[in-house]
Protein backbone atom coordinates (compact mmCIF):
# COMPACT_ATOMS: atom_id res chain seq x y z
CA UNK A 1 -24.62 -1.88 13.45
CA UNK A 2 -22.65 -3.86 10.88
CA UNK A 3 -18.95 -2.94 10.84
CA UNK A 4 -17.96 -1.28 7.58
CA UNK A 5 -14.57 -0.02 6.51
CA UNK A 6 -13.77 2.42 3.71
CA UNK A 7 -10.67 1.01 2.04
CA UNK A 8 -11.63 1.16 -1.62
CA UNK A 9 -14.68 2.15 -3.65
CA UNK A 10 -14.64 -1.30 -5.23
CA UNK A 11 -16.25 -2.49 -1.98
CA UNK A 12 -19.23 -0.13 -2.36
CA UNK A 13 -22.30 -0.02 -4.59
CA UNK A 14 -23.87 2.84 -6.52
CA UNK A 15 -26.66 3.36 -3.99
CA UNK A 16 -24.18 3.85 -1.15
CA UNK A 17 -21.98 6.06 -3.32
CA UNK A 18 -24.80 8.42 -4.30
CA UNK A 19 -26.19 8.42 -0.74
CA UNK A 20 -22.84 9.71 0.54
CA UNK A 21 -22.65 12.31 -2.23
CA UNK A 22 -26.20 13.50 -1.58
CA UNK A 23 -25.35 14.05 2.08
CA UNK A 24 -22.12 15.78 1.07
CA UNK A 25 -24.17 18.29 -0.92
CA UNK A 26 -26.57 18.72 2.02
CA UNK A 27 -23.83 19.39 4.54
CA UNK A 28 -22.13 21.82 2.17
CA UNK A 29 -25.34 23.86 2.09
CA UNK A 30 -25.89 23.54 5.84
CA UNK A 31 -22.93 22.71 8.07
CA UNK A 32 -25.11 21.07 10.73
CA UNK A 33 -27.36 19.12 8.34
CA UNK A 34 -25.95 15.74 9.41
CA UNK A 35 -26.24 16.34 13.13
CA UNK A 36 -23.58 14.98 15.47
CA UNK A 37 -23.11 11.25 14.74
CA UNK A 38 -19.65 11.37 16.35
CA UNK A 39 -20.86 12.87 19.64
CA UNK A 40 -18.77 11.40 22.50
CA UNK A 41 -16.68 9.46 19.98
CA UNK A 42 -12.94 9.63 19.37
CA UNK A 43 -11.35 9.10 15.94
CA UNK A 44 -7.64 8.34 15.56
CA UNK A 45 -6.10 10.07 12.54
CA UNK A 46 -2.79 8.37 11.69
CA UNK A 47 -0.33 9.97 9.28
CA UNK A 48 2.59 7.95 7.96
CA UNK A 49 2.69 10.52 5.12
CA UNK A 50 2.50 14.27 5.74
CA UNK A 51 -0.65 16.01 4.58
CA UNK A 52 -2.46 19.31 4.19
CA UNK A 53 -5.95 18.55 2.86
CA UNK A 54 -6.39 15.11 4.44
CA UNK A 55 -5.11 16.29 7.82
CA UNK A 56 -7.19 19.46 8.03
CA UNK A 57 -10.38 18.19 6.40
CA UNK A 58 -10.61 15.07 8.57
CA UNK A 59 -9.70 16.86 11.80
CA UNK A 60 -12.21 19.66 11.17
CA UNK A 61 -14.82 17.20 9.90
CA UNK A 62 -14.62 15.03 13.02
CA UNK A 63 -15.03 18.10 15.22
CA UNK A 64 -17.96 19.44 13.21
CA UNK A 65 -19.71 16.06 13.58
CA UNK A 66 -19.35 16.30 17.35
CA UNK A 67 -16.33 14.02 17.77
CA UNK A 68 -12.79 14.33 19.08
CA UNK A 69 -9.93 13.74 16.63
CA UNK A 70 -6.64 12.32 17.92
CA UNK A 71 -3.94 13.18 15.38
CA UNK A 72 -0.96 10.80 15.38
CA UNK A 73 2.11 11.01 13.18
CA UNK A 74 4.00 7.79 12.53
CA UNK A 75 6.90 8.78 14.76
CA UNK A 76 4.53 9.39 17.69
CA UNK A 77 3.31 5.80 17.86
CA UNK A 78 5.01 2.42 17.90
CA UNK A 79 4.49 1.47 14.25
CA UNK A 80 7.59 3.63 13.61
CA UNK A 81 9.52 1.16 15.80
CA UNK A 82 8.14 -1.97 14.19
CA UNK A 83 4.87 -2.68 16.00
CA UNK A 84 2.60 -4.52 13.59
CA UNK A 85 -0.56 -3.06 12.15
CA UNK A 86 -2.42 -6.04 13.62
CA UNK A 87 -1.32 -5.16 17.16
CA UNK A 88 -1.91 -1.45 16.56
CA UNK A 89 -5.46 -2.22 15.38
CA UNK A 90 -6.27 -4.38 18.40
CA UNK A 91 -5.00 -1.74 20.82
CA UNK A 92 -6.67 1.25 19.17
CA UNK A 93 -9.96 -0.66 18.88
CA UNK A 94 -10.09 -0.61 22.70
CA UNK A 95 -9.43 3.13 22.95
CA UNK A 96 -11.18 4.88 20.08
CA UNK A 97 -14.24 4.52 17.87
CA UNK A 98 -12.68 4.77 14.42
CA UNK A 99 -9.37 5.07 12.57
CA UNK A 100 -8.40 7.10 9.52
CA UNK A 101 -4.93 6.35 8.18
CA UNK A 102 -2.80 7.94 5.46
CA UNK A 103 -0.12 5.38 4.68
CA UNK A 104 2.18 3.96 2.04
CA UNK A 105 1.38 0.26 1.61
CA UNK A 106 -2.19 -0.75 0.89
CA UNK A 107 -1.38 -4.13 2.44
CA UNK A 108 -0.68 -2.40 5.77
CA UNK A 109 -4.08 -0.73 5.52
CA UNK A 110 -5.88 -4.02 4.90
CA UNK A 111 -4.00 -5.62 7.80
CA UNK A 112 -5.09 -2.76 10.06
CA UNK A 113 -8.72 -3.21 8.98
CA UNK A 114 -8.55 -6.99 9.26
CA UNK A 115 -7.66 -6.82 12.96
CA UNK A 116 -9.81 -3.80 13.83
CA UNK A 117 -13.20 -4.00 15.51
CA UNK A 118 -13.94 -0.36 14.58
CA UNK A 119 -14.31 1.32 11.17
CA UNK A 120 -11.08 2.02 9.28
CA UNK A 121 -10.96 4.75 6.63
CA UNK A 122 -8.39 4.94 3.86
CA UNK A 123 -7.07 8.51 3.85
CA UNK A 124 -4.58 7.45 1.17
CA UNK A 125 -2.55 4.37 0.32
CA UNK A 126 -0.16 3.63 -2.52
CA UNK A 127 -2.96 1.91 -4.47
CA UNK A 128 -6.14 3.86 -3.71
CA UNK A 129 -7.31 7.31 -2.61
CA UNK A 130 -11.10 6.89 -2.23
CA UNK A 131 -11.50 9.86 0.12
CA UNK A 132 -10.32 12.08 -2.73
CA UNK A 133 -12.68 10.44 -5.21
CA UNK A 134 -15.71 11.31 -3.10
CA UNK A 135 -14.73 14.98 -3.29
CA UNK A 136 -14.01 14.63 -7.01
CA UNK A 137 -17.50 13.36 -7.75
CA UNK A 138 -19.14 15.90 -5.49
CA UNK A 139 -17.41 18.54 -7.62
CA UNK A 140 -18.41 16.78 -10.84
CA UNK A 141 -22.06 16.57 -9.78
CA UNK A 142 -22.00 20.29 -9.04
CA UNK A 143 -21.70 20.78 -12.80
CA UNK A 144 -25.42 20.00 -12.94
CA UNK A 145 -25.12 17.23 -15.53
CA UNK A 146 -26.38 13.70 -15.07
CA UNK A 147 -23.33 11.56 -14.22
CA UNK A 148 -23.99 9.02 -16.97
CA UNK A 149 -23.76 11.84 -19.54
CA UNK A 150 -20.26 12.89 -18.44
CA UNK A 151 -16.95 11.97 -20.04
CA UNK A 152 -13.99 12.08 -17.65
CA UNK A 153 -10.44 12.11 -18.96
CA UNK A 154 -7.55 11.45 -16.59
CA UNK A 155 -4.17 12.41 -18.07
CA UNK A 156 -0.71 11.42 -16.86
CA UNK A 157 0.20 8.59 -14.52
CA UNK A 158 -2.63 6.11 -14.95
CA UNK A 159 -1.07 3.76 -12.40
CA UNK A 160 -1.56 6.24 -9.54
CA UNK A 161 -3.81 5.78 -6.53
CA UNK A 162 -5.91 8.74 -7.67
CA UNK A 163 -6.45 7.25 -11.13
CA UNK A 164 -7.37 3.85 -9.65
CA UNK A 165 -9.99 5.30 -7.32
CA UNK A 166 -11.34 7.63 -10.01
CA UNK A 167 -11.93 4.57 -12.22
CA UNK A 168 -14.05 2.94 -9.51
CA UNK A 169 -15.89 6.20 -8.87
CA UNK A 170 -16.77 6.46 -12.55
CA UNK A 171 -18.00 2.86 -12.54
CA UNK A 172 -20.32 3.59 -9.60
CA UNK A 173 -21.52 6.88 -11.11
CA UNK A 174 -22.07 5.45 -14.61
CA UNK A 175 -19.69 8.01 -16.13
CA UNK A 176 -17.47 7.34 -19.12
CA UNK A 177 -13.78 7.48 -18.18
CA UNK A 178 -10.69 7.52 -20.37
CA UNK A 179 -7.21 7.09 -18.93
CA UNK A 180 -4.74 8.79 -21.27
CA UNK A 181 -1.24 7.73 -20.25
CA UNK A 182 1.94 6.22 -21.67
CA UNK A 183 2.10 2.45 -21.73
CA UNK A 184 4.63 2.48 -18.88
CA UNK A 185 2.07 3.99 -16.52
CA UNK A 186 -1.20 2.26 -17.27
CA UNK A 187 -3.62 1.30 -14.47
CA UNK A 188 -3.13 -1.90 -12.52
CA UNK A 189 -4.74 -4.76 -14.50
CA UNK A 190 -6.50 -5.90 -11.31
CA UNK A 191 -8.16 -2.48 -11.04
CA UNK A 192 -9.18 -2.56 -14.71
CA UNK A 193 -10.67 -6.05 -14.40
CA UNK A 194 -12.55 -5.18 -11.20
CA UNK A 195 -13.89 -1.93 -12.65
CA UNK A 196 -15.13 -3.66 -15.81
CA UNK A 197 -16.87 -6.27 -13.67
CA UNK A 198 -18.66 -3.31 -12.04
CA UNK A 199 -19.82 -2.14 -15.48
CA UNK A 200 -17.24 0.60 -15.98
CA UNK A 201 -17.27 2.44 -19.31
CA UNK A 202 -13.50 2.52 -19.34
CA UNK A 203 -10.96 3.14 -22.09
CA UNK A 204 -7.18 3.15 -21.68
CA UNK A 205 -5.22 4.96 -24.34
CA UNK A 206 -1.82 6.45 -25.09
CA UNK A 207 -3.31 8.70 -27.79
CA UNK A 208 -3.68 12.36 -26.80
CA UNK A 209 -6.61 12.71 -29.21
CA UNK A 210 -8.63 10.65 -26.74
CA UNK A 211 -8.27 13.52 -24.26
CA UNK A 212 -10.45 15.71 -26.49
CA UNK A 213 -14.18 16.38 -26.02
CA UNK A 214 -14.09 15.76 -22.28
CA UNK A 215 -16.42 17.20 -19.68
CA UNK A 216 -13.88 16.70 -16.90
CA UNK A 217 -10.13 16.90 -17.46
CA UNK A 218 -8.12 15.60 -14.49
CA UNK A 219 -4.46 15.21 -13.62
CA UNK A 220 -2.29 14.63 -10.56
CA UNK A 221 1.37 14.91 -9.60
CA UNK A 222 3.70 12.61 -11.49
CA UNK A 223 6.08 11.82 -8.64
CA UNK A 224 4.52 10.79 -5.35
CA UNK A 225 6.29 10.48 -2.00
CA UNK A 226 8.54 7.43 -2.11
CA UNK A 227 9.18 7.68 -5.89
CA UNK A 228 11.99 10.23 -5.78
CA UNK A 229 14.60 7.88 -7.28
CA UNK A 230 12.64 7.51 -10.52
CA UNK A 231 11.56 11.16 -10.68
CA UNK A 232 13.56 12.41 -13.66
CA UNK A 233 12.93 9.36 -15.85
CA UNK A 234 9.24 9.47 -15.01
CA UNK A 235 8.93 13.18 -15.82
CA UNK A 236 10.54 12.63 -19.21
CA UNK A 237 8.09 9.87 -20.13
CA UNK A 238 5.06 11.80 -18.89
CA UNK A 239 5.84 15.27 -20.26
CA UNK A 240 3.83 14.74 -23.49
CA UNK A 241 0.82 14.07 -21.23
CA UNK A 242 0.94 17.43 -19.48
CA UNK A 243 -2.42 19.08 -18.96
CA UNK A 244 -2.05 22.40 -20.76
CA UNK A 245 -4.14 25.08 -22.42
CA UNK A 246 -4.04 23.33 -25.80
CA UNK A 247 -5.62 20.17 -24.41
CA UNK A 248 -8.02 22.12 -22.20
CA UNK A 249 -9.25 24.16 -25.17
CA UNK A 250 -10.63 20.95 -26.67
CA UNK A 251 -12.94 20.20 -23.73
CA UNK A 252 -16.68 20.28 -24.30
CA UNK A 253 -18.52 23.51 -23.50
CA UNK A 254 -18.84 23.90 -19.76
CA UNK A 255 -16.02 21.45 -19.11
CA UNK A 256 -14.00 21.65 -15.90
CA UNK A 257 -10.43 20.96 -14.87
CA UNK A 258 -9.59 19.03 -11.69
CA UNK A 259 -6.39 18.37 -9.75
CA UNK A 260 -6.30 16.80 -6.29
CA UNK A 261 -3.33 18.96 -5.16
CA UNK A 262 -0.60 19.72 -4.39
CA UNK A 263 0.23 20.78 -7.94
CA UNK A 264 3.68 20.96 -9.48
CA UNK A 265 2.98 23.70 -12.00
CA UNK A 266 5.09 23.33 -15.11
CA UNK A 267 5.15 19.55 -14.77
CA UNK A 268 1.78 17.73 -14.86
CA UNK A 269 -0.12 20.98 -15.39
CA UNK A 270 0.69 24.46 -16.67
CA UNK A 271 0.08 27.44 -14.43
CA UNK A 272 -2.23 28.98 -17.04
CA UNK A 273 -4.47 25.90 -17.06
CA UNK A 274 -4.38 25.64 -13.27
CA UNK A 275 -5.44 29.27 -12.82
CA UNK A 276 -8.00 29.26 -15.65
CA UNK A 277 -11.69 30.08 -15.39
CA UNK A 278 -12.59 26.42 -15.95
CA UNK A 279 -10.39 25.20 -13.07
CA UNK A 280 -12.35 23.87 -10.10
CA UNK A 281 -9.40 22.68 -8.04
CA UNK A 282 -10.21 24.76 -4.95
CA UNK A 283 -13.90 23.79 -4.99
CA UNK A 284 -12.63 20.22 -5.22
CA UNK A 285 -10.29 20.77 -2.25
CA UNK A 286 -13.12 22.30 -0.19
CA UNK A 287 -15.32 19.33 -1.00
CA UNK A 288 -12.89 17.01 0.79
CA UNK A 289 -14.39 18.34 4.04
CA UNK A 290 -18.03 17.93 3.04
CA UNK A 291 -17.63 14.53 1.35
CA UNK A 292 -15.67 13.09 4.26
CA UNK A 293 -18.23 14.33 6.76
CA UNK A 294 -20.87 12.54 4.71
CA UNK A 295 -18.69 9.41 4.67
CA UNK A 296 -18.27 9.45 8.43
CA UNK A 297 -22.02 9.95 8.84
CA UNK A 298 -22.53 6.87 6.64
CA UNK A 299 -20.08 4.77 8.68
CA UNK A 300 -21.01 5.87 12.19
CA UNK A 301 -24.70 6.83 12.26
């Protein structure tokens, strides 16, 4: 079997993307639909950042696919004391069958994958969050619309890992995507260039009018772990881009609201919008489990 990692959706094609999503829908309907591709396999789950959804969904998912998860926080292994990702990769490759890591630097993730002889999964890095995007598009497809007929609007910090991965997901799905953010927080130009080379129908705008007539309205926290020093200045710049009832009322009929959680209600999203009838945030959170099981089936079976 050819070794494949899951570091960014820019490394995947539409056929693979939809294959994973199809299996995610299957396993949501029937928990055992994908069998046990991880039977007698061990998966290391490394957390340099704390987590709720990533931790629980991957640990449960590995078990439901027949495998054994080994959960490791950063202070439990030697990377906390300066051991390189290259050495960590070469050691773990001799013990376990796969690695999922939730980390800060994307460069550390690529170093880990570069020296690993087993699949490496990006559970989150500072640049990308592709595990989340799989769940996002599973939730979007549950709307029942063809993906190339959907307009996705992401509001807020367009330079975030969630926004970057959502852009690639939209390119693979054929969906229109608009990033509505202040000029200070636009997506990485490298991401924009790569997505457009993939055929992305992408628009980047600072105009709130471009958030209207969406089918999917998406936001995420403004201040991620490690950005605490710039928190107040960032909140001030982003406040006009809050996802609220006024913006949500201008969605197309049947439109949905997404947030990858945790939410800071009153900042990037109002509580009324978060708790509204068009919010699908908890379906989206549930789909982390199903989409990641489908991903692991793709990588290991």
